[in-house]
């Protein structure tokens, strides 16, 4: 039975982490000594990709167009339907009915 197959998942993860650390240290050592990698392994550090100026300008133009379209749509917004509001006479009827209900409730005697 191989030694690797008898390891647990945690031990395998730790072994992978250690191997990455070793490769990173080898890379740093080679950078310090300015010598090519003896094993032929070249580890490139992760770098953030930068956008080309033309691509970035195109993205900015697209966003500008999107904002312009949104502004045009807001200027020509569809007519909104007004909410129905009760007139003063209807409100007075509802208030009178509520007062009558309250009066009836007060007049009922609890037995």
C-alpha atoms as a PDB file:
ATOM      1  CA  UNK A   1       0.000   0.000   0.000  1.00  0.00           C
ATOM      2  CA  UNK A   2       1.345   3.428  -0.974  1.00  0.00           C
ATOM      3  CA  UNK A   3       2.099   5.997   1.705  1.00  0.00           C
ATOM      4  CA  UNK A   4      -0.105   8.600  -0.019  1.00  0.00           C
ATOM      5  CA  UNK A   5      -3.196   6.391  -0.104  1.00  0.00           C
ATOM      6  CA  UNK A   6      -2.987   5.825   3.641  1.00  0.00           C
ATOM      7  CA  UNK A   7      -3.104   9.582   4.451  1.00  0.00           C
ATOM      8  CA  UNK A   8      -6.259  11.358   5.575  1.00  0.00           C
ATOM      9  CA  UNK A   9      -7.775  14.279   3.681  1.00  0.00           C
ATOM     10  CA  UNK A  10      -6.445  16.745   6.251  1.00  0.00           C
ATOM     11  CA  UNK A  11      -2.919  15.344   5.938  1.00  0.00           C
ATOM     12  CA  UNK A  12      -3.107  15.527   2.130  1.00  0.00           C
ATOM     13  CA  UNK A  13      -4.228  19.169   2.276  1.00  0.00           C
ATOM     14  CA  UNK A  14      -1.384  19.996   4.649  1.00  0.00           C
ATOM     15  CA  UNK A  15       1.110  18.229   2.366  1.00  0.00           C
ATOM     16  CA  UNK A  16      -0.162  20.281  -0.588  1.00  0.00           C
ATOM     17  CA  UNK A  17       0.189  23.500   1.415  1.00  0.00           C
ATOM     18  CA  UNK A  18       3.758  22.601   2.385  1.00  0.00           C
ATOM     19  CA  UNK A  19       4.616  21.787  -1.233  1.00  0.00           C
ATOM     20  CA  UNK A  20       3.257  25.171  -2.358  1.00  0.00           C
ATOM     21  CA  UNK A  21       5.303  26.909   0.353  1.00  0.00           C
ATOM     22  CA  UNK A  22       8.438  25.074  -0.799  1.00  0.00           C
ATOM     23  CA  UNK A  23       7.819  26.083  -4.417  1.00  0.00           C
ATOM     24  CA  UNK A  24       7.230  29.674  -3.378  1.00  0.00           C
ATOM     25  CA  UNK A  25      10.453  29.735  -1.332  1.00  0.00           C
ATOM     26  CA  UNK A  26      12.392  28.166  -4.237  1.00  0.00           C
ATOM     27  CA  UNK A  27      11.048  30.846  -6.533  1.00  0.00           C
ATOM     28  CA  UNK A  28      12.062  33.606  -4.105  1.00  0.00           C
ATOM     29  CA  UNK A  29      15.514  32.047  -3.699  1.00  0.00           C
ATOM     30  CA  UNK A  30      15.980  31.875  -7.468  1.00  0.00           C
ATOM     31  CA  UNK A  31      14.906  35.509  -7.772  1.00  0.00           C
ATOM     32  CA  UNK A  32      17.502  36.506  -5.177  1.00  0.00           C
ATOM     33  CA  UNK A  33      20.317  34.594  -6.834  1.00  0.00           C
ATOM     34  CA  UNK A  34      19.192  35.455 -10.392  1.00  0.00           C
ATOM     35  CA  UNK A  35      19.672  31.858 -11.425  1.00  0.00           C
ATOM     36  CA  UNK A  36      17.258  29.848 -13.564  1.00  0.00           C
ATOM     37  CA  UNK A  37      15.224  27.191 -11.849  1.00  0.00           C
ATOM     38  CA  UNK A  38      17.253  23.977 -11.616  1.00  0.00           C
ATOM     39  CA  UNK A  39      14.222  21.697 -11.677  1.00  0.00           C
ATOM     40  CA  UNK A  40      12.702  23.457 -14.662  1.00  0.00           C
ATOM     41  CA  UNK A  41       9.717  24.571 -12.619  1.00  0.00           C
ATOM     42  CA  UNK A  42       8.917  28.204 -13.103  1.00  0.00           C
ATOM     43  CA  UNK A  43       6.345  29.575 -10.682  1.00  0.00           C
ATOM     44  CA  UNK A  44       4.789  32.831 -11.756  1.00  0.00           C
ATOM     45  CA  UNK A  45       3.309  34.895  -8.956  1.00  0.00           C
ATOM     46  CA  UNK A  46      -0.338  35.778  -9.357  1.00  0.00           C
ATOM     47  CA  UNK A  47      -0.725  39.207 -10.864  1.00  0.00           C
ATOM     48  CA  UNK A  48      -3.807  41.246 -11.342  1.00  0.00           C
ATOM     49  CA  UNK A  49      -4.601  41.598 -14.995  1.00  0.00           C
ATOM     50  CA  UNK A  50      -4.894  45.143 -16.216  1.00  0.00           C
ATOM     51  CA  UNK A  51      -7.287  46.216 -18.895  1.00  0.00           C
ATOM     52  CA  UNK A  52      -5.954  47.747 -22.041  1.00  0.00           C
ATOM     53  CA  UNK A  53      -6.737  51.424 -22.450  1.00  0.00           C
ATOM     54  CA  UNK A  54      -8.881  50.788 -25.549  1.00  0.00           C
ATOM     55  CA  UNK A  55     -10.951  48.117 -23.758  1.00  0.00           C
ATOM     56  CA  UNK A  56     -11.390  50.319 -20.706  1.00  0.00           C
ATOM     57  CA  UNK A  57     -12.456  53.275 -22.879  1.00  0.00           C
ATOM     58  CA  UNK A  58     -15.004  51.059 -24.629  1.00  0.00           C
ATOM     59  CA  UNK A  59     -16.444  49.914 -21.309  1.00  0.00           C
ATOM     60  CA  UNK A  60     -16.705  53.508 -20.093  1.00  0.00           C
ATOM     61  CA  UNK A  61     -18.457  54.530 -23.331  1.00  0.00           C
ATOM     62  CA  UNK A  62     -20.922  51.653 -23.001  1.00  0.00           C
ATOM     63  CA  UNK A  63     -21.774  52.631 -19.436  1.00  0.00           C
ATOM     64  CA  UNK A  64     -22.228  56.243 -20.563  1.00  0.00           C
ATOM     65  CA  UNK A  65     -24.640  55.135 -23.283  1.00  0.00           C
ATOM     66  CA  UNK A  66     -26.563  53.046 -20.780  1.00  0.00           C
ATOM     67  CA  UNK A  67     -26.926  56.061 -18.440  1.00  0.00           C
ATOM     68  CA  UNK A  68     -28.008  58.252 -21.368  1.00  0.00           C
ATOM     69  CA  UNK A  69     -30.721  55.754 -22.365  1.00  0.00           C
ATOM     70  CA  UNK A  70     -31.917  55.560 -18.773  1.00  0.00           C
ATOM     71  CA  UNK A  71     -32.105  59.350 -18.560  1.00  0.00           C
ATOM     72  CA  UNK A  72     -34.084  59.521 -21.821  1.00  0.00           C
ATOM     73  CA  UNK A  73     -36.541  56.924 -20.552  1.00  0.00           C
ATOM     74  CA  UNK A  74     -37.084  58.847 -17.332  1.00  0.00           C
ATOM     75  CA  UNK A  75     -37.892  62.018 -19.297  1.00  0.00           C
ATOM     76  CA  UNK A  76     -40.573  60.244 -21.339  1.00  0.00           C
ATOM     77  CA  UNK A  77     -42.105  58.238 -18.540  1.00  0.00           C
ATOM     78  CA  UNK A  78     -45.570  56.767 -19.167  1.00  0.00           C
ATOM     79  CA  UNK A  79     -48.484  58.606 -17.589  1.00  0.00           C
ATOM     80  CA  UNK A  80     -49.123  57.273 -14.143  1.00  0.00           C
ATOM     81  CA  UNK A  81     -52.608  56.451 -12.999  1.00  0.00           C
ATOM     82  CA  UNK A  82     -53.690  58.653 -10.119  1.00  0.00           C
ATOM     83  CA  UNK A  83     -54.739  56.987  -6.916  1.00  0.00           C
ATOM     84  CA  UNK A  84     -58.430  57.214  -6.141  1.00  0.00           C
ATOM     85  CA  UNK A  85     -59.108  59.632  -3.335  1.00  0.00           C
ATOM     86  CA  UNK A  86     -62.375  59.920  -1.443  1.00  0.00           C
ATOM     87  CA  UNK A  87     -64.320  63.129  -1.638  1.00  0.00           C
ATOM     88  CA  UNK A  88     -65.290  65.042   1.473  1.00  0.00           C
ATOM     89  CA  UNK A  89     -68.922  63.846   1.303  1.00  0.00           C
ATOM     90  CA  UNK A  90     -67.866  60.168   1.153  1.00  0.00           C
ATOM     91  CA  UNK A  91     -65.481  60.659   4.055  1.00  0.00           C
ATOM     92  CA  UNK A  92     -68.263  62.293   6.067  1.00  0.00           C
ATOM     93  CA  UNK A  93     -70.589  59.324   5.372  1.00  0.00           C
ATOM     94  CA  UNK A  94     -67.940  56.834   6.508  1.00  0.00           C
ATOM     95  CA  UNK A  95     -67.221  58.864   9.654  1.00  0.00           C
ATOM     96  CA  UNK A  96     -70.941  59.079  10.478  1.00  0.00           C
ATOM     97  CA  UNK A  97     -71.337  55.318  10.043  1.00  0.00           C
ATOM     98  CA  UNK A  98     -68.334  54.691  12.315  1.00  0.00           C
ATOM     99  CA  UNK A  99     -69.754  57.011  14.965  1.00  0.00           C
ATOM    100  CA  UNK A 100     -73.123  55.229  14.786  1.00  0.00           C
ATOM    101  CA  UNK A 101     -71.434  51.834  15.154  1.00  0.00           C
ATOM    102  CA  UNK A 102     -69.477  53.070  18.162  1.00  0.00           C
ATOM    103  CA  UNK A 103     -72.645  54.490  19.732  1.00  0.00           C
ATOM    104  CA  UNK A 104     -74.481  51.179  19.231  1.00  0.00           C
ATOM    105  CA  UNK A 105     -71.575  49.324  20.823  1.00  0.00           C
ATOM    106  CA  UNK A 106     -71.644  51.604  23.841  1.00  0.00           C
ATOM    107  CA  UNK A 107     -75.376  51.149  24.285  1.00  0.00           C
ATOM    108  CA  UNK A 108     -75.159  47.350  24.413  1.00  0.00           C
ATOM    109  CA  UNK A 109     -75.195  46.269  28.004  1.00  0.00           C
ATOM    110  CA  UNK A 110     -73.028  43.369  29.050  1.00  0.00           C
ATOM    111  CA  UNK A 111     -75.030  40.814  31.029  1.00  0.00           C
END
